[in-house]
Protein backbone atom coordinates (compact mmCIF):
# COMPACT_ATOMS: atom_id res chain seq x y z
CA MET A 1 28.33 -24.97 30.16
CA LYS A 2 26.58 -28.12 29.80
CA PRO A 3 27.34 -30.38 27.14
CA GLU A 4 23.91 -30.46 26.28
CA ASN A 5 23.65 -26.62 25.22
CA VAL A 6 26.96 -26.48 23.29
CA THR A 7 26.54 -25.77 19.77
CA SER A 8 29.11 -26.82 16.88
CA SER A 9 29.89 -23.51 16.28
CA GLN A 10 30.70 -22.61 19.68
CA ILE A 11 33.17 -25.29 19.53
CA VAL A 12 34.42 -24.14 16.71
CA GLY A 13 34.51 -20.87 17.73
CA ALA A 14 36.58 -22.12 20.89
CA PHE A 15 39.65 -23.32 18.76
CA THR A 16 42.79 -21.24 18.58
CA PRO A 17 45.44 -21.70 16.11
CA LYS A 18 47.10 -24.35 17.13
CA HIS A 19 43.72 -26.51 17.15
CA TRP A 20 43.35 -25.72 13.64
CA VAL A 21 46.95 -26.48 12.49
CA ALA A 22 46.31 -29.61 14.88
CA ILE A 23 43.08 -30.61 12.65
CA LEU A 24 44.18 -29.75 9.50
CA SER A 25 47.43 -31.77 9.87
CA THR A 26 45.64 -34.70 11.10
CA VAL A 27 42.99 -34.61 8.03
CA PHE A 28 45.88 -34.16 5.51
CA ALA A 29 47.82 -37.06 7.52
CA VAL A 30 44.80 -39.53 7.34
CA PHE A 31 43.99 -38.39 3.72
CA GLY A 32 47.50 -39.01 3.04
CA ALA A 33 47.42 -42.27 4.44
CA VAL A 34 44.55 -43.23 2.80
CA ALA A 35 45.56 -42.11 -0.31
CA TYR A 36 49.16 -43.98 0.14
CA GLY A 37 47.12 -47.15 1.34
CA GLY A 38 45.07 -47.27 -1.89
CA PHE A 39 48.00 -46.70 -3.47
CA TRP A 40 49.71 -49.59 -2.20
CA ALA A 41 46.70 -51.82 -2.35
CA GLY A 42 46.17 -50.95 -5.94
CA GLN A 43 49.98 -51.54 -6.76
CA LYS A 44 50.00 -55.44 -5.25
CA LEU A 45 46.83 -56.01 -6.84
CA THR A 46 48.28 -55.03 -10.10
CA GLU A 47 51.45 -57.08 -9.32
CA ALA A 48 49.28 -60.08 -8.50
CA GLN A 49 47.60 -59.72 -11.80
CA ALA A 50 50.72 -59.35 -13.84
CA PHE A 51 52.44 -62.07 -12.11
CA GLY A 52 48.89 -64.04 -13.43
CA GLN A 53 49.47 -63.19 -16.25
CA ILE A 54 53.16 -63.93 -16.64
CA ALA A 55 52.35 -67.61 -15.45
CA GLU A 56 49.56 -67.99 -17.96
CA LEU A 57 52.07 -66.88 -20.83
CA LYS A 58 54.85 -69.24 -19.54
CA VAL A 59 52.28 -72.15 -19.77
CA ILE A 60 51.17 -71.09 -23.23
CA VAL A 61 54.87 -70.77 -24.34
CA GLY A 62 55.48 -73.80 -23.28
CA GLN A 63 52.76 -75.23 -25.16
CA LEU A 64 53.56 -73.59 -28.54
CA GLN A 65 57.20 -74.70 -27.47
CA ALA A 66 56.20 -78.06 -27.56
CA LYS A 67 54.55 -77.88 -30.79
CA LEU A 68 57.05 -76.61 -32.47
CA GLU A 69 59.43 -79.59 -31.40
CA VAL A 70 56.80 -81.65 -32.93
CA THR A 71 56.54 -79.80 -35.79
CA GLN A 72 60.49 -79.48 -36.37
CA SER A 73 60.58 -83.25 -35.99
CA LYS A 74 57.68 -83.78 -38.76
CA ILE A 75 59.53 -81.71 -40.95
CA GLU A 76 63.02 -83.32 -40.50
CA ALA A 77 61.11 -86.66 -41.29
CA THR A 78 59.32 -85.43 -44.27
CA SER A 79 62.74 -83.96 -45.38
CA THR A 80 64.21 -87.88 -44.79
CA ALA A 81 61.32 -89.54 -46.70
CA VAL A 82 61.63 -86.76 -49.51
CA ALA A 83 65.15 -87.79 -49.92
CA GLN A 84 64.64 -91.44 -50.06
CA TRP A 85 61.56 -90.78 -52.30
CA LYS A 86 64.09 -88.95 -54.62
CA GLU A 87 66.96 -91.70 -54.18
CA ALA A 88 64.30 -94.26 -55.15
CA TYR A 89 62.75 -92.24 -58.28
CA GLY A 90 66.83 -92.09 -59.49
CA LYS A 91 67.28 -95.54 -59.11
CA VAL A 92 63.63 -96.46 -61.25
CA GLN A 93 64.91 -94.15 -63.82
CA GLU A 94 68.19 -95.53 -64.13
CA LEU A 95 66.46 -99.28 -64.44
CA LEU A 96 64.18 -97.84 -66.87
CA ALA A 97 67.00 -96.38 -68.80
CA GLN A 98 68.78 -99.65 -68.86
CA LYS A 99 65.78 -101.57 -69.93
CA SER A 100 65.22 -99.18 -72.60
CA GLN A 101 68.62 -99.73 -74.11
CA GLU A 102 68.42 -103.23 -73.52
CA VAL A 103 65.15 -103.17 -75.94
CA VAL A 104 67.02 -101.15 -78.17
CA GLN A 105 69.82 -103.43 -78.50
CA LEU A 106 67.63 -106.57 -78.78
CA SER A 107 65.44 -104.67 -81.42
CA ASN A 108 68.88 -104.19 -83.73
CA GLU A 109 69.83 -107.62 -82.67
CA LEU A 110 66.12 -108.95 -84.05
CA GLY A 111 66.66 -106.74 -87.01
CA ARG A 112 69.88 -108.59 -88.35
CA SER A 113 68.82 -112.00 -87.08
CA ASN A 114 65.41 -113.82 -87.25
CA ASN A 115 65.92 -116.71 -85.51
CA CYS A 116 63.90 -118.93 -82.62
CA ALA A 117 66.15 -118.64 -79.60
CA PHE A 118 66.56 -114.63 -80.06
CA VAL A 119 62.81 -114.27 -80.33
CA GLN A 120 62.25 -116.39 -77.17
CA LYS A 121 65.07 -114.67 -75.16
CA GLN A 122 63.32 -111.48 -76.25
CA ILE A 123 60.04 -112.76 -75.39
CA ILE A 124 61.45 -113.66 -71.74
CA ALA A 125 63.19 -110.24 -71.31
CA THR A 126 60.27 -108.06 -72.06
CA ARG A 127 57.67 -110.23 -69.41
CA SER A 128 60.49 -109.73 -66.95
CA GLU A 129 60.38 -106.20 -67.88
CA ILE A 130 56.73 -106.18 -67.75
CA ALA A 131 57.05 -107.81 -63.98
CA SER A 132 59.09 -105.01 -63.30
CA VAL A 133 56.32 -102.07 -64.31
CA ARG A 134 53.74 -104.25 -62.54
CA ASN A 135 55.71 -104.22 -59.01
CA PRO A 136 53.27 -102.48 -56.96
CA TRP A 137 56.24 -100.92 -55.34
CA PHE A 138 57.05 -98.24 -58.21
CA TRP A 139 53.17 -97.46 -58.46
CA SER A 140 53.45 -95.26 -55.60
CA ALA A 141 55.92 -92.81 -57.04
CA GLY A 142 52.88 -89.96 -58.18
CA GLU A 143 50.54 -90.20 -60.67
CA LYS A 144 52.69 -88.40 -63.88
CA PHE A 145 54.63 -91.44 -63.01
CA GLU A 146 51.98 -94.04 -62.91
CA GLN A 147 50.36 -92.67 -66.18
CA HIS A 148 54.36 -93.26 -67.69
CA GLN A 149 54.52 -96.38 -66.32
CA GLN A 150 50.86 -97.43 -67.70
CA ASN A 151 51.87 -96.30 -70.83
CA ARG A 152 55.29 -98.28 -70.88
CA LEU A 153 53.13 -101.33 -69.44
CA ALA A 154 50.63 -100.72 -72.98
CA GLU A 155 54.08 -100.55 -74.80
CA LEU A 156 55.61 -103.96 -73.45
CA GLU A 157 52.81 -106.09 -74.09
CA LYS A 158 51.93 -104.90 -77.44
CA ARG A 159 55.88 -106.13 -77.91
CA LEU A 160 55.40 -109.02 -76.45
CA GLY A 161 52.36 -109.89 -79.04
CA LEU A 162 54.77 -108.89 -81.79
CA TYR A 163 57.58 -111.33 -80.17
CA GLN A 164 55.14 -114.18 -80.02
CA GLN A 165 53.57 -114.01 -83.66
CA GLN A 166 57.52 -114.18 -84.61
CA LEU A 167 58.12 -117.15 -82.34
CA GLY A 168 55.07 -118.64 -84.41
CA THR A 169 56.72 -118.08 -87.53
CA CYS A 170 60.55 -118.47 -86.73
CA GLY A 171 60.61 -121.91 -87.27
CA ARG A 172 59.39 -121.73 -91.53
């Protein structure tokens, strides 16, 4: 037979069972190899993508850790500042209580005696207290405290005016 005259049905008809087994085995082996190759390539691609995502996540985690450390240091600094402000506020409150007691004592002394030296001491003490209330360091403790300081300052200035009036008449 000439190869030009052979048809595909003649070739297929000439196959023996051994040929069919060999062809089918080869076809299954090729399909299996292609399927396994695709699976292997997909697995490697997935692993590569996962490694890329892991690397990105590690960078993000590093950035978040750095931000967390900065925030923690800011919190610690703020806590320290708050403690210092509380201590300073406590000292101011103690000073105000002490000065108030002194004013009460001096007022009582004023009621018992009306001499010029006592009035002059009162004026000096009141001016000193006004200077301490006007100290700008004390004015930064908050709006409520500033209002308290302003009220205190008005009270002290009124008292100073009364003492100055008494000083003008104490020698008579």
